[in-house]
Amino acid sequence: MNDTPYYKARMRASKKDAAFESRLSTSAVIGIGTTRLYQIERGIRLPHEDEVMIMAKEYDAPELVEYYCKHVCAIGAYCKKDKD
């Protein structure tokens, strides 16, 4: 399943920069190992905050930060619950 926002953001970034076409070359750019990147993109593991920030910056995908805050971060979930 490659429909996570992290995978989609990398694929969008790959249209502007060929370095993001493969996990191997992406890993050299963003400093996240290929296995870890695979696990994040497949939804097997959750990314750490710093990994999200790096991906958002390098992929030019600020929506990753918002997604993480809304769906992964415990503080974001708490704040969302307060609004409901």
C-alpha atoms as a PDB file:
ATOM      1  CA  MET A   1       0.000   0.000   0.000  1.00  0.00           C
ATOM      2  CA  ASN A   2       1.770   3.124  -1.233  1.00  0.00           C
ATOM      3  CA  ASP A   3      -0.940   5.652  -0.570  1.00  0.00           C
ATOM      4  CA  THR A   4       0.522   7.188   2.571  1.00  0.00           C
ATOM      5  CA  PRO A   5       1.043  10.945   2.429  1.00  0.00           C
ATOM      6  CA  TYR A   6       4.791  10.383   2.808  1.00  0.00           C
ATOM      7  CA  TYR A   7       4.962   8.237  -0.323  1.00  0.00           C
ATOM      8  CA  LYS A   8       2.696  10.579  -2.274  1.00  0.00           C
ATOM      9  CA  ALA A   9       4.819  13.582  -1.290  1.00  0.00           C
ATOM     10  CA  ARG A  10       8.005  11.838  -2.458  1.00  0.00           C
ATOM     11  CA  MET A  11       6.386  10.929  -5.755  1.00  0.00           C
ATOM     12  CA  ARG A  12       5.308  14.553  -6.305  1.00  0.00           C
ATOM     13  CA  ALA A  13       8.828  15.688  -5.444  1.00  0.00           C
ATOM     14  CA  SER A  14      10.280  13.178  -7.921  1.00  0.00           C
ATOM     15  CA  LYS A  15       8.526  15.002 -10.757  1.00  0.00           C
ATOM     16  CA  LYS A  16      10.710  18.037 -10.016  1.00  0.00           C
ATOM     17  CA  ASP A  17      13.869  16.251  -8.861  1.00  0.00           C
ATOM     18  CA  ALA A  18      14.981  12.819 -10.073  1.00  0.00           C
ATOM     19  CA  ALA A  19      16.832  12.260  -6.784  1.00  0.00           C
ATOM     20  CA  PHE A  20      13.466  11.363  -5.234  1.00  0.00           C
ATOM     21  CA  GLU A  21      12.529   8.704  -7.800  1.00  0.00           C
ATOM     22  CA  SER A  22      13.925   5.830  -5.727  1.00  0.00           C
ATOM     23  CA  ARG A  23      14.175   5.205  -2.017  1.00  0.00           C
ATOM     24  CA  LEU A  24      17.908   4.609  -2.408  1.00  0.00           C
ATOM     25  CA  SER A  25      18.655   8.033  -3.877  1.00  0.00           C
ATOM     26  CA  THR A  26      16.095   9.708  -1.595  1.00  0.00           C
ATOM     27  CA  SER A  27      17.771   8.208   1.430  1.00  0.00           C
ATOM     28  CA  ALA A  28      21.061   9.867   0.433  1.00  0.00           C
ATOM     29  CA  VAL A  29      19.335  13.244   0.205  1.00  0.00           C
ATOM     30  CA  ILE A  30      17.231  13.128   3.365  1.00  0.00           C
ATOM     31  CA  GLY A  31      19.416  10.976   5.609  1.00  0.00           C
ATOM     32  CA  ILE A  32      16.758   8.371   6.398  1.00  0.00           C
ATOM     33  CA  GLY A  33      17.787   4.794   5.627  1.00  0.00           C
ATOM     34  CA  THR A  34      16.065   2.947   2.812  1.00  0.00           C
ATOM     35  CA  THR A  35      14.511   0.343   5.112  1.00  0.00           C
ATOM     36  CA  ARG A  36      13.184   2.999   7.464  1.00  0.00           C
ATOM     37  CA  LEU A  37      11.854   5.046   4.532  1.00  0.00           C
ATOM     38  CA  TYR A  38      10.140   1.944   3.139  1.00  0.00           C
ATOM     39  CA  GLN A  39       8.503   1.282   6.510  1.00  0.00           C
ATOM     40  CA  ILE A  40       7.283   4.876   6.798  1.00  0.00           C
ATOM     41  CA  GLU A  41       5.964   4.968   3.241  1.00  0.00           C
ATOM     42  CA  ARG A  42       4.168   1.635   3.607  1.00  0.00           C
ATOM     43  CA  GLY A  43       2.601   2.598   6.934  1.00  0.00           C
ATOM     44  CA  ILE A  44       4.493  -0.106   8.825  1.00  0.00           C
ATOM     45  CA  ARG A  45       6.187   2.396  11.144  1.00  0.00           C
ATOM     46  CA  LEU A  46       5.325   5.944  12.128  1.00  0.00           C
ATOM     47  CA  PRO A  47       7.907   8.606  11.347  1.00  0.00           C
ATOM     48  CA  HIS A  48       9.586  10.595  14.088  1.00  0.00           C
ATOM     49  CA  GLU A  49       8.941  14.336  14.247  1.00  0.00           C
ATOM     50  CA  ASP A  50      12.397  15.169  12.900  1.00  0.00           C
ATOM     51  CA  GLU A  51      11.909  12.804   9.954  1.00  0.00           C
ATOM     52  CA  VAL A  52       8.623  14.498   9.075  1.00  0.00           C
ATOM     53  CA  MET A  53      10.295  17.908   9.209  1.00  0.00           C
ATOM     54  CA  ILE A  54      13.101  16.725   6.913  1.00  0.00           C
ATOM     55  CA  MET A  55      10.691  15.150   4.414  1.00  0.00           C
ATOM     56  CA  ALA A  56       8.446  18.226   4.440  1.00  0.00           C
ATOM     57  CA  LYS A  57      11.415  20.485   3.725  1.00  0.00           C
ATOM     58  CA  GLU A  58      13.176  18.342   1.119  1.00  0.00           C
ATOM     59  CA  TYR A  59       9.995  17.322  -0.716  1.00  0.00           C
ATOM     60  CA  ASP A  60       8.578  20.862  -0.462  1.00  0.00           C
ATOM     61  CA  ALA A  61       5.528  19.320   1.184  1.00  0.00           C
ATOM     62  CA  PRO A  62       4.498  21.339   4.254  1.00  0.00           C
ATOM     63  CA  GLU A  63       1.242  19.387   4.365  1.00  0.00           C
ATOM     64  CA  LEU A  64       3.209  16.487   5.874  1.00  0.00           C
ATOM     65  CA  VAL A  65       3.665  18.475   9.086  1.00  0.00           C
ATOM     66  CA  GLU A  66      -0.049  19.199   9.297  1.00  0.00           C
ATOM     67  CA  TYR A  67      -0.886  15.563   8.584  1.00  0.00           C
ATOM     68  CA  TYR A  68       1.505  14.380  11.273  1.00  0.00           C
ATOM     69  CA  CYS A  69       0.127  16.837  13.816  1.00  0.00           C
ATOM     70  CA  LYS A  70      -3.479  15.875  13.099  1.00  0.00           C
ATOM     71  CA  HIS A  71      -3.088  12.110  12.819  1.00  0.00           C
ATOM     72  CA  VAL A  72       0.035  10.986  14.673  1.00  0.00           C
ATOM     73  CA  CYS A  73       1.061  13.487  17.328  1.00  0.00           C
ATOM     74  CA  ALA A  74      -0.516  12.925  20.754  1.00  0.00           C
ATOM     75  CA  ILE A  75      -0.658  16.675  21.427  1.00  0.00           C
ATOM     76  CA  GLY A  76      -2.355  17.302  18.079  1.00  0.00           C
ATOM     77  CA  ALA A  77      -4.915  14.600  18.807  1.00  0.00           C
ATOM     78  CA  TYR A  78      -5.582  16.133  22.230  1.00  0.00           C
ATOM     79  CA  CYS A  79      -6.042  19.607  20.729  1.00  0.00           C
ATOM     80  CA  LYS A  80      -8.341  18.222  18.043  1.00  0.00           C
ATOM     81  CA  LYS A  81     -10.453  16.517  20.717  1.00  0.00           C
ATOM     82  CA  ASP A  82     -10.810  19.840  22.571  1.00  0.00           C
ATOM     83  CA  LYS A  83     -12.183  21.484  19.411  1.00  0.00           C
ATOM     84  CA  ASP A  84     -14.851  18.813  18.885  1.00  0.00           C
END
